[in-house]
C-alpha atoms as a PDB file:
ATOM      1  CA  MET A   1      10.038 -14.859  51.382  1.00  0.00           C
ATOM      2  CA  ASN A   2       8.162 -12.088  53.177  1.00  0.00           C
ATOM      3  CA  ARG A   3       4.422 -12.556  52.538  1.00  0.00           C
ATOM      4  CA  PHE A   4       3.988  -8.843  51.855  1.00  0.00           C
ATOM      5  CA  LEU A   5       6.699  -9.013  49.224  1.00  0.00           C
ATOM      6  CA  VAL A   6       5.044 -12.047  47.651  1.00  0.00           C
ATOM      7  CA  SER A   7       1.689 -10.261  47.641  1.00  0.00           C
ATOM      8  CA  GLY A   8       3.306  -7.210  46.054  1.00  0.00           C
ATOM      9  CA  ILE A   9       4.876  -9.309  43.318  1.00  0.00           C
ATOM     10  CA  LEU A  10       1.575 -11.026  42.583  1.00  0.00           C
ATOM     11  CA  TRP A  11      -0.310  -7.733  42.481  1.00  0.00           C
ATOM     12  CA  ALA A  12       2.311  -6.205  40.174  1.00  0.00           C
ATOM     13  CA  SER A  13       1.905  -9.208  37.876  1.00  0.00           C
ATOM     14  CA  VAL A  14      -1.851  -8.697  37.793  1.00  0.00           C
ATOM     15  CA  LEU A  15      -1.466  -5.011  36.951  1.00  0.00           C
ATOM     16  CA  ALA A  16       1.075  -5.802  34.227  1.00  0.00           C
ATOM     17  CA  ALA A  17      -1.274  -8.355  32.697  1.00  0.00           C
ATOM     18  CA  GLN A  18      -4.152  -5.864  32.776  1.00  0.00           C
ATOM     19  CA  ALA A  19      -1.962  -3.223  31.132  1.00  0.00           C
ATOM     20  CA  GLN A  20      -1.309  -5.450  28.126  1.00  0.00           C
ATOM     21  CA  PRO A  21      -3.766  -4.896  25.244  1.00  0.00           C
ATOM     22  CA  SER A  22      -6.118  -7.790  24.691  1.00  0.00           C
ATOM     23  CA  ASP A  23      -5.744  -9.948  21.599  1.00  0.00           C
ATOM     24  CA  ALA A  24      -9.458 -10.665  21.679  1.00  0.00           C
ATOM     25  CA  PRO A  25     -11.347  -9.499  18.590  1.00  0.00           C
ATOM     26  CA  LEU A  26     -13.659  -6.534  18.735  1.00  0.00           C
ATOM     27  CA  ASP A  27     -17.230  -7.491  19.491  1.00  0.00           C
ATOM     28  CA  PRO A  28     -19.513  -7.671  16.420  1.00  0.00           C
ATOM     29  CA  ALA A  29     -21.100  -4.255  17.038  1.00  0.00           C
ATOM     30  CA  ALA A  30     -17.696  -2.590  17.407  1.00  0.00           C
ATOM     31  CA  GLN A  31     -16.500  -4.336  14.233  1.00  0.00           C
ATOM     32  CA  ASP A  32     -19.478  -2.961  12.315  1.00  0.00           C
ATOM     33  CA  ARG A  33     -18.812   0.560  13.589  1.00  0.00           C
ATOM     34  CA  LEU A  34     -15.135   0.352  12.670  1.00  0.00           C
ATOM     35  CA  LEU A  35     -15.912  -1.010   9.200  1.00  0.00           C
ATOM     36  CA  GLU A  36     -18.269   1.912   8.636  1.00  0.00           C
ATOM     37  CA  ALA A  37     -15.467   4.294   9.671  1.00  0.00           C
ATOM     38  CA  ILE A  38     -12.980   2.532   7.344  1.00  0.00           C
ATOM     39  CA  GLN A  39     -15.383   2.715   4.401  1.00  0.00           C
ATOM     40  CA  GLU A  40     -16.126   6.384   5.075  1.00  0.00           C
ATOM     41  CA  TYR A  41     -12.396   7.105   5.330  1.00  0.00           C
ATOM     42  CA  GLY A  42     -11.721   5.291   2.051  1.00  0.00           C
ATOM     43  CA  ALA A  43     -14.566   7.041   0.261  1.00  0.00           C
ATOM     44  CA  GLN A  44     -13.295  10.489   1.265  1.00  0.00           C
ATOM     45  CA  TYR A  45      -9.562   9.817   1.120  1.00  0.00           C
ATOM     46  CA  ILE A  46      -8.760  11.022  -2.405  1.00  0.00           C
ATOM     47  CA  SER A  47     -10.849  14.198  -2.113  1.00  0.00           C
ATOM     48  CA  SER A  48      -9.190  14.995   1.219  1.00  0.00           C
ATOM     49  CA  LEU A  49      -5.675  15.100  -0.253  1.00  0.00           C
ATOM     50  CA  PRO A  50      -4.008  18.327  -1.390  1.00  0.00           C
ATOM     51  CA  ASN A  51      -2.344  18.767  -4.751  1.00  0.00           C
ATOM     52  CA  PHE A  52       1.271  17.729  -4.247  1.00  0.00           C
ATOM     53  CA  LEU A  53       4.536  16.625  -5.810  1.00  0.00           C
ATOM     54  CA  CYS A  54       6.893  13.914  -4.639  1.00  0.00           C
ATOM     55  CA  VAL A  55       9.695  11.660  -5.832  1.00  0.00           C
ATOM     56  CA  GLN A  56       8.927   8.005  -6.453  1.00  0.00           C
ATOM     57  CA  VAL A  57      12.001   5.766  -6.391  1.00  0.00           C
ATOM     58  CA  THR A  58      11.437   2.253  -7.755  1.00  0.00           C
ATOM     59  CA  HIS A  59      13.935  -0.552  -7.178  1.00  0.00           C
ATOM     60  CA  GLN A  60      13.485  -3.507  -9.538  1.00  0.00           C
ATOM     61  CA  PHE A  61      14.252  -7.133  -8.654  1.00  0.00           C
ATOM     62  CA  GLU A  62      13.784 -10.516 -10.315  1.00  0.00           C
ATOM     63  CA  THR A  63      14.269 -14.143  -9.294  1.00  0.00           C
ATOM     64  CA  GLY A  64      13.216 -17.633 -10.350  1.00  0.00           C
ATOM     65  CA  LEU A  65      10.067 -19.309  -9.117  1.00  0.00           C
ATOM     66  CA  ASN A  66      11.949 -21.485  -6.632  1.00  0.00           C
ATOM     67  CA  SER A  67      14.753 -19.133  -5.672  1.00  0.00           C
ATOM     68  CA  ASN A  68      15.173 -16.420  -3.066  1.00  0.00           C
ATOM     69  CA  ARG A  69      18.255 -14.927  -4.698  1.00  0.00           C
ATOM     70  CA  TRP A  70      16.894 -11.665  -6.054  1.00  0.00           C
ATOM     71  CA  HIS A  71      18.802 -10.065  -8.949  1.00  0.00           C
ATOM     72  CA  LYS A  72      18.717  -6.282  -8.910  1.00  0.00           C
ATOM     73  CA  GLY A  73      17.608  -4.422 -12.004  1.00  0.00           C
ATOM     74  CA  ASP A  74      17.325  -0.677 -12.536  1.00  0.00           C
ATOM     75  CA  THR A  75      16.583   2.006  -9.981  1.00  0.00           C
ATOM     76  CA  LEU A  76      14.078   4.443 -11.463  1.00  0.00           C
ATOM     77  CA  SER A  77      13.420   7.919 -10.059  1.00  0.00           C
ATOM     78  CA  ALA A  78      10.264   9.644 -11.227  1.00  0.00           C
ATOM     79  CA  ARG A  79       8.615  12.981 -10.529  1.00  0.00           C
ATOM     80  CA  LEU A  80       5.072  12.228  -9.387  1.00  0.00           C
ATOM     81  CA  SER A  81       2.371  14.868  -9.351  1.00  0.00           C
ATOM     82  CA  PHE A  82      -1.035  14.466  -7.739  1.00  0.00           C
ATOM     83  CA  HIS A  83      -3.444  17.105  -8.982  1.00  0.00           C
ATOM     84  CA  ASP A  84      -7.221  17.094  -8.545  1.00  0.00           C
ATOM     85  CA  GLY A  85      -7.152  13.379  -7.747  1.00  0.00           C
ATOM     86  CA  GLN A  86      -5.073  12.405 -10.782  1.00  0.00           C
ATOM     87  CA  GLU A  87      -1.583  10.855 -10.674  1.00  0.00           C
ATOM     88  CA  LYS A  88       1.067  11.628 -13.286  1.00  0.00           C
ATOM     89  CA  ARG A  89       4.584  10.173 -13.316  1.00  0.00           C
ATOM     90  CA  THR A  90       7.541  11.457 -15.320  1.00  0.00           C
ATOM     91  CA  LEU A  91      10.694   9.327 -15.368  1.00  0.00           C
ATOM     92  CA  GLU A  92      13.699  11.512 -14.553  1.00  0.00           C
ATOM     93  CA  LEU A  93      16.616   9.265 -13.596  1.00  0.00           C
ATOM     94  CA  VAL A  94      17.696   5.701 -14.375  1.00  0.00           C
ATOM     95  CA  ASN A  95      20.383   4.451 -11.993  1.00  0.00           C
ATOM     96  CA  GLY A  96      21.148   8.021 -10.978  1.00  0.00           C
ATOM     97  CA  LYS A  97      21.602   9.325 -14.536  1.00  0.00           C
ATOM     98  CA  PRO A  98      19.177  11.418 -16.603  1.00  0.00           C
ATOM     99  CA  ALA A  99      16.636   9.207 -18.339  1.00  0.00           C
ATOM    100  CA  ASP A 100      17.443   8.594 -22.004  1.00  0.00           C
ATOM    101  CA  PRO A 101      14.324   7.721 -24.036  1.00  0.00           C
ATOM    102  CA  THR A 102      16.514   5.908 -26.572  1.00  0.00           C
ATOM    103  CA  ARG A 103      17.998   3.581 -23.949  1.00  0.00           C
ATOM    104  CA  ARG A 104      16.188   0.382 -23.133  1.00  0.00           C
ATOM    105  CA  ILE A 105      15.673  -0.023 -19.407  1.00  0.00           C
ATOM    106  CA  TRP A 106      16.173  -3.388 -17.751  1.00  0.00           C
ATOM    107  CA  ARG A 107      12.482  -4.102 -17.429  1.00  0.00           C
ATOM    108  CA  THR A 108       9.424  -1.930 -17.885  1.00  0.00           C
ATOM    109  CA  PRO A 109       8.016  -1.528 -14.367  1.00  0.00           C
ATOM    110  CA  VAL A 110       4.524  -2.695 -13.552  1.00  0.00           C
ATOM    111  CA  THR A 111       2.230   0.308 -13.746  1.00  0.00           C
ATOM    112  CA  THR A 112       0.243   0.814 -10.561  1.00  0.00           C
ATOM    113  CA  GLU A 113      -2.399   3.325  -9.559  1.00  0.00           C
ATOM    114  CA  GLY A 114      -3.283   2.254  -6.053  1.00  0.00           C
ATOM    115  CA  GLU A 115      -0.822   4.081  -3.848  1.00  0.00           C
ATOM    116  CA  PHE A 116      -2.695   7.356  -3.500  1.00  0.00           C
ATOM    117  CA  GLY A 117      -6.069   6.006  -2.554  1.00  0.00           C
ATOM    118  CA  ILE A 118      -7.542   4.452  -5.680  1.00  0.00           C
ATOM    119  CA  LEU A 119      -7.212   0.918  -4.309  1.00  0.00           C
ATOM    120  CA  LEU A 120      -8.561   2.028  -0.939  1.00  0.00           C
ATOM    121  CA  ALA A 121     -11.443   3.947  -2.524  1.00  0.00           C
ATOM    122  CA  ASN A 122     -12.356   0.992  -4.736  1.00  0.00           C
ATOM    123  CA  VAL A 123     -12.379  -1.454  -1.822  1.00  0.00           C
ATOM    124  CA  ALA A 124     -14.441   0.944   0.318  1.00  0.00           C
ATOM    125  CA  ALA A 125     -16.959   1.772  -2.423  1.00  0.00           C
ATOM    126  CA  PRO A 126     -20.403   0.145  -2.107  1.00  0.00           C
ATOM    127  CA  SER A 127     -20.129  -0.838  -5.773  1.00  0.00           C
ATOM    128  CA  SER A 128     -17.279  -3.236  -4.931  1.00  0.00           C
ATOM    129  CA  ASP A 129     -19.629  -5.289  -2.734  1.00  0.00           C
ATOM    130  CA  ALA A 130     -16.529  -6.255  -0.735  1.00  0.00           C
ATOM    131  CA  THR A 131     -16.925  -8.832   2.020  1.00  0.00           C
ATOM    132  CA  PHE A 132     -14.999  -7.973   5.216  1.00  0.00           C
ATOM    133  CA  THR A 133     -14.075 -10.366   8.023  1.00  0.00           C
ATOM    134  CA  TRP A 134     -12.158  -9.779  11.250  1.00  0.00           C
ATOM    135  CA  ASN A 135      -8.608 -11.172  11.243  1.00  0.00           C
ATOM    136  CA  ARG A 136      -6.483  -9.932  14.155  1.00  0.00           C
ATOM    137  CA  TRP A 137      -4.723  -7.075  15.914  1.00  0.00           C
ATOM    138  CA  GLU A 138      -1.270  -6.106  14.659  1.00  0.00           C
ATOM    139  CA  THR A 139       1.246  -3.468  15.753  1.00  0.00           C
ATOM    140  CA  ILE A 140       3.024  -1.589  12.951  1.00  0.00           C
ATOM    141  CA  ARG A 141       5.632   1.060  13.727  1.00  0.00           C
ATOM    142  CA  GLY A 142       4.370   1.201  17.293  1.00  0.00           C
ATOM    143  CA  LYS A 143       0.711   1.662  16.349  1.00  0.00           C
ATOM    144  CA  ARG A 144      -1.853  -0.998  17.239  1.00  0.00           C
ATOM    145  CA  LEU A 145      -4.123  -1.613  14.266  1.00  0.00           C
ATOM    146  CA  ALA A 146      -7.227  -3.677  13.606  1.00  0.00           C
ATOM    147  CA  VAL A 147      -6.839  -6.008  10.614  1.00  0.00           C
ATOM    148  CA  PHE A 148      -9.797  -6.961   8.427  1.00  0.00           C
ATOM    149  CA  ASP A 149      -9.582  -9.255   5.419  1.00  0.00           C
ATOM    150  CA  PHE A 150     -11.668  -8.495   2.346  1.00  0.00           C
ATOM    151  CA  THR A 151     -12.634 -10.138  -0.933  1.00  0.00           C
ATOM    152  CA  VAL A 152     -13.948  -8.584  -4.135  1.00  0.00           C
ATOM    153  CA  ASP A 153     -15.360 -10.854  -6.844  1.00  0.00           C
ATOM    154  CA  ARG A 154     -14.721 -10.316 -10.538  1.00  0.00           C
ATOM    155  CA  GLU A 155     -18.253  -9.049 -11.222  1.00  0.00           C
ATOM    156  CA  HIS A 156     -17.648  -6.094  -8.895  1.00  0.00           C
ATOM    157  CA  SER A 157     -13.898  -5.668  -9.426  1.00  0.00           C
ATOM    158  CA  THR A 158     -12.135  -2.645 -10.890  1.00  0.00           C
ATOM    159  CA  LEU A 159      -8.735  -4.406 -10.965  1.00  0.00           C
ATOM    160  CA  VAL A 160      -7.748  -4.541 -14.620  1.00  0.00           C
ATOM    161  CA  MET A 161      -4.574  -6.222 -15.882  1.00  0.00           C
ATOM    162  CA  GLN A 162      -3.299  -5.525 -19.363  1.00  0.00           C
ATOM    163  CA  LEU A 163      -0.427  -7.007 -21.376  1.00  0.00           C
ATOM    164  CA  SER A 164       0.461  -4.301 -23.900  1.00  0.00           C
ATOM    165  CA  ASP A 165      -2.352  -4.347 -26.463  1.00  0.00           C
ATOM    166  CA  LEU A 166      -2.446  -8.137 -26.604  1.00  0.00           C
ATOM    167  CA  ALA A 167      -4.672  -9.049 -23.694  1.00  0.00           C
ATOM    168  CA  LYS A 168      -6.755  -7.503 -20.964  1.00  0.00           C
ATOM    169  CA  GLY A 169      -8.740  -8.914 -18.078  1.00  0.00           C
ATOM    170  CA  VAL A 170     -10.723  -7.915 -14.983  1.00  0.00           C
ATOM    171  CA  LEU A 171      -9.585  -9.887 -11.939  1.00  0.00           C
ATOM    172  CA  ALA A 172     -11.136 -10.860  -8.634  1.00  0.00           C
ATOM    173  CA  TYR A 173      -8.902 -10.050  -5.678  1.00  0.00           C
ATOM    174  CA  ARG A 174      -8.602 -10.246  -1.919  1.00  0.00           C
ATOM    175  CA  GLY A 175      -6.496  -8.509   0.704  1.00  0.00           C
ATOM    176  CA  SER A 176      -6.373  -6.839   4.099  1.00  0.00           C
ATOM    177  CA  VAL A 177      -6.791  -3.375   5.583  1.00  0.00           C
ATOM    178  CA  TYR A 178      -4.911  -2.316   8.727  1.00  0.00           C
ATOM    179  CA  ALA A 179      -6.884   0.453  10.401  1.00  0.00           C
ATOM    180  CA  ASP A 180      -6.753   2.739  13.411  1.00  0.00           C
ATOM    181  CA  PRO A 181      -9.503   1.389  15.707  1.00  0.00           C
ATOM    182  CA  GLU A 182     -10.437   4.909  16.816  1.00  0.00           C
ATOM    183  CA  SER A 183     -10.672   6.738  13.487  1.00  0.00           C
ATOM    184  CA  GLY A 184     -10.811   4.096  10.758  1.00  0.00           C
ATOM    185  CA  ALA A 185      -7.726   5.622   9.081  1.00  0.00           C
ATOM    186  CA  VAL A 186      -5.892   2.998   7.028  1.00  0.00           C
ATOM    187  CA  TRP A 187      -2.146   2.634   7.672  1.00  0.00           C
ATOM    188  CA  ARG A 188      -1.592  -0.384   5.421  1.00  0.00           C
ATOM    189  CA  ILE A 189      -3.525  -2.077   2.641  1.00  0.00           C
ATOM    190  CA  THR A 190      -2.668  -5.240   0.758  1.00  0.00           C
ATOM    191  CA  ASP A 191      -4.225  -7.035  -2.160  1.00  0.00           C
ATOM    192  CA  ILE A 192      -3.559 -10.136  -4.238  1.00  0.00           C
ATOM    193  CA  ALA A 193      -5.064 -11.569  -7.410  1.00  0.00           C
ATOM    194  CA  ASP A 194      -4.137 -15.201  -8.070  1.00  0.00           C
ATOM    195  CA  LYS A 195      -7.340 -16.892  -9.187  1.00  0.00           C
ATOM    196  CA  ASP A 196      -8.843 -17.331 -12.662  1.00  0.00           C
ATOM    197  CA  ILE A 197      -6.301 -15.067 -14.388  1.00  0.00           C
ATOM    198  CA  PRO A 198      -6.723 -15.357 -18.184  1.00  0.00           C
ATOM    199  CA  ARG A 199      -3.902 -17.421 -19.638  1.00  0.00           C
ATOM    200  CA  GLN A 200      -3.169 -14.798 -22.301  1.00  0.00           C
ATOM    201  CA  LEU A 201      -2.056 -12.354 -19.585  1.00  0.00           C
ATOM    202  CA  ARG A 202       0.956 -14.651 -18.947  1.00  0.00           C
ATOM    203  CA  MET A 203       0.701 -14.056 -15.223  1.00  0.00           C
ATOM    204  CA  LYS A 204      -0.058 -16.305 -12.271  1.00  0.00           C
ATOM    205  CA  GLU A 205      -0.270 -13.727  -9.517  1.00  0.00           C
ATOM    206  CA  ILE A 206       0.027 -10.040  -8.713  1.00  0.00           C
ATOM    207  CA  SER A 207       0.079  -8.628  -5.192  1.00  0.00           C
ATOM    208  CA  THR A 208       0.565  -5.211  -3.598  1.00  0.00           C
ATOM    209  CA  VAL A 209       1.483  -3.910  -0.149  1.00  0.00           C
ATOM    210  CA  ILE A 210       1.168  -0.168   0.576  1.00  0.00           C
ATOM    211  CA  ASP A 211       2.294   1.433   3.829  1.00  0.00           C
ATOM    212  CA  TYR A 212       1.164   4.934   4.827  1.00  0.00           C
ATOM    213  CA  SER A 213       2.855   7.388   7.209  1.00  0.00           C
ATOM    214  CA  VAL A 214       2.035  10.841   8.546  1.00  0.00           C
ATOM    215  CA  THR A 215       3.412  13.433   6.105  1.00  0.00           C
ATOM    216  CA  VAL A 216       3.259  17.215   6.422  1.00  0.00           C
ATOM    217  CA  ILE A 217       2.387  19.226   3.294  1.00  0.00           C
ATOM    218  CA  GLY A 218       1.738  22.951   3.484  1.00  0.00           C
ATOM    219  CA  GLY A 219       1.684  22.845   7.264  1.00  0.00           C
ATOM    220  CA  LYS A 220      -1.003  20.135   7.445  1.00  0.00           C
ATOM    221  CA  SER A 221      -0.609  16.441   8.240  1.00  0.00           C
ATOM    222  CA  TYR A 222      -1.848  13.679   5.928  1.00  0.00           C
ATOM    223  CA  LEU A 223      -1.519   9.899   5.782  1.00  0.00           C
ATOM    224  CA  LEU A 224       0.399   9.341   2.551  1.00  0.00           C
ATOM    225  CA  PRO A 225       2.284   6.388   1.060  1.00  0.00           C
ATOM    226  CA  SER A 226       5.797   5.933   2.395  1.00  0.00           C
ATOM    227  CA  THR A 227       6.598   2.584   0.751  1.00  0.00           C
ATOM    228  CA  ALA A 228       4.908   0.115  -1.558  1.00  0.00           C
ATOM    229  CA  SER A 229       5.822  -3.204  -3.103  1.00  0.00           C
ATOM    230  CA  VAL A 230       4.320  -4.903  -6.152  1.00  0.00           C
ATOM    231  CA  LEU A 231       5.076  -8.570  -6.832  1.00  0.00           C
ATOM    232  CA  THR A 232       4.181 -10.315 -10.065  1.00  0.00           C
ATOM    233  CA  VAL A 233       4.571 -14.038 -10.703  1.00  0.00           C
ATOM    234  CA  THR A 234       4.823 -15.334 -14.262  1.00  0.00           C
ATOM    235  CA  ASP A 235       5.263 -18.861 -15.572  1.00  0.00           C
ATOM    236  CA  ASP A 236       9.012 -18.786 -14.980  1.00  0.00           C
ATOM    237  CA  ALA A 237       9.937 -15.820 -12.741  1.00  0.00           C
ATOM    238  CA  ARG A 238       8.993 -13.485  -9.926  1.00  0.00           C
ATOM    239  CA  VAL A 239       9.413  -9.747 -10.447  1.00  0.00           C
ATOM    240  CA  ARG A 240       9.262  -7.239  -7.574  1.00  0.00           C
ATOM    241  CA  ASN A 241       9.105  -3.461  -7.623  1.00  0.00           C
ATOM    242  CA  ASP A 242       9.903  -1.838  -4.274  1.00  0.00           C
ATOM    243  CA  MET A 243       8.866   1.819  -4.175  1.00  0.00           C
ATOM    244  CA  GLU A 244       9.742   4.695  -1.864  1.00  0.00           C
ATOM    245  CA  PHE A 245       7.904   8.023  -1.845  1.00  0.00           C
ATOM    246  CA  GLN A 246      10.063  10.971  -0.822  1.00  0.00           C
ATOM    247  CA  ASP A 247      10.250  14.754  -0.707  1.00  0.00           C
ATOM    248  CA  TYR A 248       6.536  15.514  -0.567  1.00  0.00           C
ATOM    249  CA  ARG A 249       5.693  19.158  -1.193  1.00  0.00           C
ATOM    250  CA  LYS A 250       2.703  21.281  -2.089  1.00  0.00           C
ATOM    251  CA  PHE A 251       1.948  21.468  -5.799  1.00  0.00           C
ATOM    252  CA  GLU A 252       2.319  25.048  -7.020  1.00  0.00           C
ATOM    253  CA  ALA A 253       2.990  26.579 -10.403  1.00  0.00           C
ATOM    254  CA  GLU A 254       6.624  27.230  -9.528  1.00  0.00           C
ATOM    255  CA  SER A 255       7.215  23.930  -7.748  1.00  0.00           C
ATOM    256  CA  VAL A 256      10.296  21.955  -8.730  1.00  0.00           C
ATOM    257  CA  ILE A 257      11.891  18.805  -7.390  1.00  0.00           C
ATOM    258  CA  LYS A 258      15.651  18.523  -7.148  1.00  0.00           C
ATOM    259  CA  PHE A 259      16.948  14.983  -7.453  1.00  0.00           C
ATOM    260  CA  GLY A 260      19.949  13.666  -5.565  1.00  0.00           C
ATOM    261  CA  ASP A 261      22.550  14.555  -8.162  1.00  0.00           C
ATOM    262  CA  GLY A 262      21.256  18.055  -8.799  1.00  0.00           C
ATOM    263  CA  HIS A 263      18.884  17.312 -11.670  1.00  0.00           C
ATOM    264  CA  GLU A 264      15.449  18.901 -11.500  1.00  0.00           C
END
């Protein structure tokens, strides 16, 4: 083979290797700076959001502890309003039909409050005393993100689980944040509680994954939840709620949401 061709191939290989992002962790100083940006982002996230409406669609599933055959339950469509940092959900449709308060739904969905920044704000708050450690780089939807793991002990936790009026407990938890290395903006957050859960709560584990995407409301762009999944593990079953957040719009006095079959 022509030596110039060989040299060209080798040089192209070197350039290609240099063009690939390194999997090496950020150096300690850069990690500290990014963690400060993540915590600042989390602390300001809720106050930075506008008042808005959206549709939350929840798909329910259940399976046994040792099975991967998920049985589908109800599909619940709710009107969700976010006003002055407060979330309010109103169930509108069950399996595409207007919600009937006299009809028993397949399973009462797990109530969550983390999608619109509460989880993120709690993890970022100094009062949580969260411990962060570098994990890895990961690419999600084409965006390269820095992943840090965190832990929050029970003494500093705000994660409260409640079983009707029968039992209530504050749980330690751990998870991961997936952040833009330039801005500290969080594109995914996960958490799991599976240690020292009071027996009376009848639960072995609860975990959450929330994915955020760029959403335009009132002509401005925000990182808002696009999907979320909540998994609970009991003594004899696993229950999963998969959520989609759709049709974001600015909250105004005359705002309405039209559901798929024409119901408002």
